[in-house]
Amino acid sequence: MRLTSGILFVFVWIAAAGTSVASAKRVPLLPMFLKDPIMINGAEVPSGSYLLSVESQGPAVQVTVWRNDQFVAAARGAWVKSGIRFAEDALVVRVNPDGTRSLIEIRLGGTEKAIVLQDPETAMKLSAK
């Protein structure tokens, strides 16, 4: 009986330690101002002030855009190390053939890290092959 309870304790401790290691990490909310509307994961985000929440688990990242405590858009991406230290936070957008702009990268000032967002159109093309 004592051996069984000891094994159970070790199993529960390992399970708890595993979940804490695998838990998601959050970056403090980042302010974001858009001079022009942009597309994020297919959703049009009008110009204005927003807050960006970043939650990551390993290299995978979930970015969520908020305005006045309301959900606006979300996208998945991955952490990428650039090799240069960014002086300030920056958004990198792509101008699409139709003239719209799509958010493709978020650079974090003071670090060498960027979040490269997955392009839903590219992902759909790759999954169709």
C-alpha atoms as a PDB file:
ATOM      1  CA  MET A   1       0.000   0.000   0.000  1.00  0.00           C
ATOM      2  CA  ARG A   2       2.806   2.410   0.909  1.00  0.00           C
ATOM      3  CA  LEU A   3       4.641   1.677  -2.345  1.00  0.00           C
ATOM      4  CA  THR A   4       1.513   2.368  -4.393  1.00  0.00           C
ATOM      5  CA  SER A   5       0.896   5.743  -2.741  1.00  0.00           C
ATOM      6  CA  GLY A   6       4.578   6.669  -3.241  1.00  0.00           C
ATOM      7  CA  ILE A   7       4.377   5.820  -6.948  1.00  0.00           C
ATOM      8  CA  LEU A   8       1.137   7.796  -7.231  1.00  0.00           C
ATOM      9  CA  PHE A   9       2.809  10.822  -5.592  1.00  0.00           C
ATOM     10  CA  VAL A  10       5.761  10.635  -8.022  1.00  0.00           C
ATOM     11  CA  PHE A  11       3.375  10.307 -10.989  1.00  0.00           C
ATOM     12  CA  VAL A  12       1.306  13.318  -9.875  1.00  0.00           C
ATOM     13  CA  TRP A  13       4.477  15.363  -9.238  1.00  0.00           C
ATOM     14  CA  ILE A  14       5.875  14.517 -12.714  1.00  0.00           C
ATOM     15  CA  ALA A  15       2.536  15.350 -14.337  1.00  0.00           C
ATOM     16  CA  ALA A  16       2.360  18.694 -12.520  1.00  0.00           C
ATOM     17  CA  ALA A  17       5.958  19.534 -13.421  1.00  0.00           C
ATOM     18  CA  GLY A  18       5.301  18.631 -17.050  1.00  0.00           C
ATOM     19  CA  THR A  19       2.296  20.910 -17.294  1.00  0.00           C
ATOM     20  CA  SER A  20       4.169  23.843 -15.788  1.00  0.00           C
ATOM     21  CA  VAL A  21       7.021  23.418 -18.290  1.00  0.00           C
ATOM     22  CA  ALA A  22       4.600  23.098 -21.204  1.00  0.00           C
ATOM     23  CA  SER A  23       2.384  25.990 -20.122  1.00  0.00           C
ATOM     24  CA  ALA A  24       2.084  28.986 -22.378  1.00  0.00           C
ATOM     25  CA  LYS A  25       4.192  32.090 -21.831  1.00  0.00           C
ATOM     26  CA  ARG A  26       2.721  35.559 -22.221  1.00  0.00           C
ATOM     27  CA  VAL A  27       4.428  38.745 -23.319  1.00  0.00           C
ATOM     28  CA  PRO A  28       3.067  41.916 -21.631  1.00  0.00           C
ATOM     29  CA  LEU A  29       0.355  43.632 -23.693  1.00  0.00           C
ATOM     30  CA  LEU A  30       1.865  45.658 -26.513  1.00  0.00           C
ATOM     31  CA  PRO A  31       0.266  48.912 -27.680  1.00  0.00           C
ATOM     32  CA  MET A  32      -0.228  49.081 -31.443  1.00  0.00           C
ATOM     33  CA  PHE A  33      -1.282  52.069 -33.545  1.00  0.00           C
ATOM     34  CA  LEU A  34      -2.376  51.544 -37.148  1.00  0.00           C
ATOM     35  CA  LYS A  35      -2.196  54.521 -39.476  1.00  0.00           C
ATOM     36  CA  ASP A  36      -3.894  52.506 -42.224  1.00  0.00           C
ATOM     37  CA  PRO A  37      -6.249  49.507 -42.095  1.00  0.00           C
ATOM     38  CA  ILE A  38      -4.530  46.108 -42.291  1.00  0.00           C
ATOM     39  CA  MET A  39      -5.598  42.510 -42.741  1.00  0.00           C
ATOM     40  CA  ILE A  40      -4.803  40.050 -39.964  1.00  0.00           C
ATOM     41  CA  ASN A  41      -5.570  36.436 -40.771  1.00  0.00           C
ATOM     42  CA  GLY A  42      -8.279  37.486 -43.241  1.00  0.00           C
ATOM     43  CA  ALA A  43      -9.955  40.014 -40.912  1.00  0.00           C
ATOM     44  CA  GLU A  44      -9.799  43.722 -41.753  1.00  0.00           C
ATOM     45  CA  VAL A  45      -8.579  45.781 -38.809  1.00  0.00           C
ATOM     46  CA  PRO A  46      -9.390  49.511 -39.226  1.00  0.00           C
ATOM     47  CA  SER A  47      -6.864  52.231 -38.394  1.00  0.00           C
ATOM     48  CA  GLY A  48      -6.638  53.189 -34.734  1.00  0.00           C
ATOM     49  CA  SER A  49      -5.146  52.173 -31.385  1.00  0.00           C
ATOM     50  CA  TYR A  50      -5.096  48.540 -30.242  1.00  0.00           C
ATOM     51  CA  LEU A  51      -3.475  46.221 -27.730  1.00  0.00           C
ATOM     52  CA  LEU A  52      -1.670  43.105 -28.859  1.00  0.00           C
ATOM     53  CA  SER A  53      -1.501  40.040 -26.635  1.00  0.00           C
ATOM     54  CA  VAL A  54       1.149  37.430 -27.403  1.00  0.00           C
ATOM     55  CA  GLU A  55       0.987  33.917 -26.007  1.00  0.00           C
ATOM     56  CA  SER A  56       3.617  31.360 -26.913  1.00  0.00           C
ATOM     57  CA  GLN A  57       4.335  27.740 -26.304  1.00  0.00           C
ATOM     58  CA  GLY A  58       7.798  26.882 -27.565  1.00  0.00           C
ATOM     59  CA  PRO A  59       8.260  28.399 -31.014  1.00  0.00           C
ATOM     60  CA  ALA A  60       4.485  28.575 -31.700  1.00  0.00           C
ATOM     61  CA  VAL A  61       2.803  31.936 -31.076  1.00  0.00           C
ATOM     62  CA  GLN A  62      -0.814  33.099 -30.857  1.00  0.00           C
ATOM     63  CA  VAL A  63      -1.251  36.854 -31.415  1.00  0.00           C
ATOM     64  CA  THR A  64      -4.565  38.476 -30.478  1.00  0.00           C
ATOM     65  CA  VAL A  65      -5.601  42.066 -31.223  1.00  0.00           C
ATOM     66  CA  TRP A  66      -7.875  43.848 -28.722  1.00  0.00           C
ATOM     67  CA  ARG A  67      -9.649  47.211 -28.735  1.00  0.00           C
ATOM     68  CA  ASN A  68     -11.577  48.488 -25.713  1.00  0.00           C
ATOM     69  CA  ASP A  69     -11.351  45.006 -24.132  1.00  0.00           C
ATOM     70  CA  GLN A  70     -13.029  43.454 -27.178  1.00  0.00           C
ATOM     71  CA  PHE A  71     -11.556  40.835 -29.489  1.00  0.00           C
ATOM     72  CA  VAL A  72     -10.714  42.156 -32.975  1.00  0.00           C
ATOM     73  CA  ALA A  73      -8.543  39.538 -34.708  1.00  0.00           C
ATOM     74  CA  ALA A  74      -6.088  36.713 -34.065  1.00  0.00           C
ATOM     75  CA  ALA A  75      -3.325  34.940 -35.943  1.00  0.00           C
ATOM     76  CA  ARG A  76      -0.803  32.180 -35.408  1.00  0.00           C
ATOM     77  CA  GLY A  77       2.899  32.512 -36.039  1.00  0.00           C
ATOM     78  CA  ALA A  78       6.351  31.500 -34.887  1.00  0.00           C
ATOM     79  CA  TRP A  79       9.273  33.086 -33.040  1.00  0.00           C
ATOM     80  CA  VAL A  80      12.212  33.861 -35.312  1.00  0.00           C
ATOM     81  CA  LYS A  81      15.629  35.117 -34.220  1.00  0.00           C
ATOM     82  CA  SER A  82      16.791  37.859 -36.593  1.00  0.00           C
ATOM     83  CA  GLY A  83      20.460  38.265 -35.714  1.00  0.00           C
ATOM     84  CA  ILE A  84      20.071  42.021 -35.173  1.00  0.00           C
ATOM     85  CA  ARG A  85      18.663  43.816 -32.142  1.00  0.00           C
ATOM     86  CA  PHE A  86      15.572  45.854 -32.996  1.00  0.00           C
ATOM     87  CA  ALA A  87      15.654  49.400 -31.636  1.00  0.00           C
ATOM     88  CA  GLU A  88      11.860  49.580 -31.204  1.00  0.00           C
ATOM     89  CA  ASP A  89       8.672  47.612 -31.709  1.00  0.00           C
ATOM     90  CA  ALA A  90       7.581  47.499 -35.348  1.00  0.00           C
ATOM     91  CA  LEU A  91       4.916  45.957 -37.547  1.00  0.00           C
ATOM     92  CA  VAL A  92       5.903  44.656 -40.968  1.00  0.00           C
ATOM     93  CA  VAL A  93       3.133  44.646 -43.566  1.00  0.00           C
ATOM     94  CA  ARG A  94       2.890  43.316 -47.097  1.00  0.00           C
ATOM     95  CA  VAL A  95       1.044  45.303 -49.751  1.00  0.00           C
ATOM     96  CA  ASN A  96      -1.216  42.839 -51.575  1.00  0.00           C
ATOM     97  CA  PRO A  97      -2.013  43.029 -55.322  1.00  0.00           C
ATOM     98  CA  ASP A  98      -5.465  44.454 -54.512  1.00  0.00           C
ATOM     99  CA  GLY A  99      -3.907  47.299 -52.480  1.00  0.00           C
ATOM    100  CA  THR A 100      -4.799  45.942 -49.036  1.00  0.00           C
ATOM    101  CA  ARG A 101      -2.078  45.495 -46.425  1.00  0.00           C
ATOM    102  CA  SER A 102      -1.477  42.275 -44.488  1.00  0.00           C
ATOM    103  CA  LEU A 103       0.419  42.021 -41.214  1.00  0.00           C
ATOM    104  CA  ILE A 104       3.237  39.501 -41.711  1.00  0.00           C
ATOM    105  CA  GLU A 105       5.709  40.187 -38.878  1.00  0.00           C
ATOM    106  CA  ILE A 106       5.904  41.785 -35.431  1.00  0.00           C
ATOM    107  CA  ARG A 107       9.336  42.937 -34.235  1.00  0.00           C
ATOM    108  CA  LEU A 108       9.960  43.409 -30.521  1.00  0.00           C
ATOM    109  CA  GLY A 109      12.169  46.372 -29.597  1.00  0.00           C
ATOM    110  CA  GLY A 110      15.226  45.664 -27.472  1.00  0.00           C
ATOM    111  CA  THR A 111      15.376  42.031 -28.634  1.00  0.00           C
ATOM    112  CA  GLU A 112      16.528  40.000 -31.614  1.00  0.00           C
ATOM    113  CA  LYS A 113      13.145  38.277 -31.770  1.00  0.00           C
ATOM    114  CA  ALA A 114      10.335  38.699 -34.241  1.00  0.00           C
ATOM    115  CA  ILE A 115       7.013  36.940 -34.643  1.00  0.00           C
ATOM    116  CA  VAL A 116       6.470  35.818 -38.225  1.00  0.00           C
ATOM    117  CA  LEU A 117       2.772  35.293 -38.846  1.00  0.00           C
ATOM    118  CA  GLN A 118       1.519  32.412 -40.926  1.00  0.00           C
ATOM    119  CA  ASP A 119      -0.140  33.435 -44.148  1.00  0.00           C
ATOM    120  CA  PRO A 120      -3.552  31.676 -44.305  1.00  0.00           C
ATOM    121  CA  GLU A 121      -3.536  31.710 -48.128  1.00  0.00           C
ATOM    122  CA  THR A 122      -0.121  30.026 -48.280  1.00  0.00           C
ATOM    123  CA  ALA A 123      -1.176  27.497 -45.640  1.00  0.00           C
ATOM    124  CA  MET A 124      -4.323  26.679 -47.662  1.00  0.00           C
ATOM    125  CA  LYS A 125      -2.294  26.223 -50.862  1.00  0.00           C
ATOM    126  CA  LEU A 126       0.205  23.948 -49.116  1.00  0.00           C
ATOM    127  CA  SER A 127      -2.519  21.831 -47.512  1.00  0.00           C
ATOM    128  CA  ALA A 128      -4.321  21.434 -50.883  1.00  0.00           C
ATOM    129  CA  LYS A 129      -1.265  19.828 -52.528  1.00  0.00           C
END
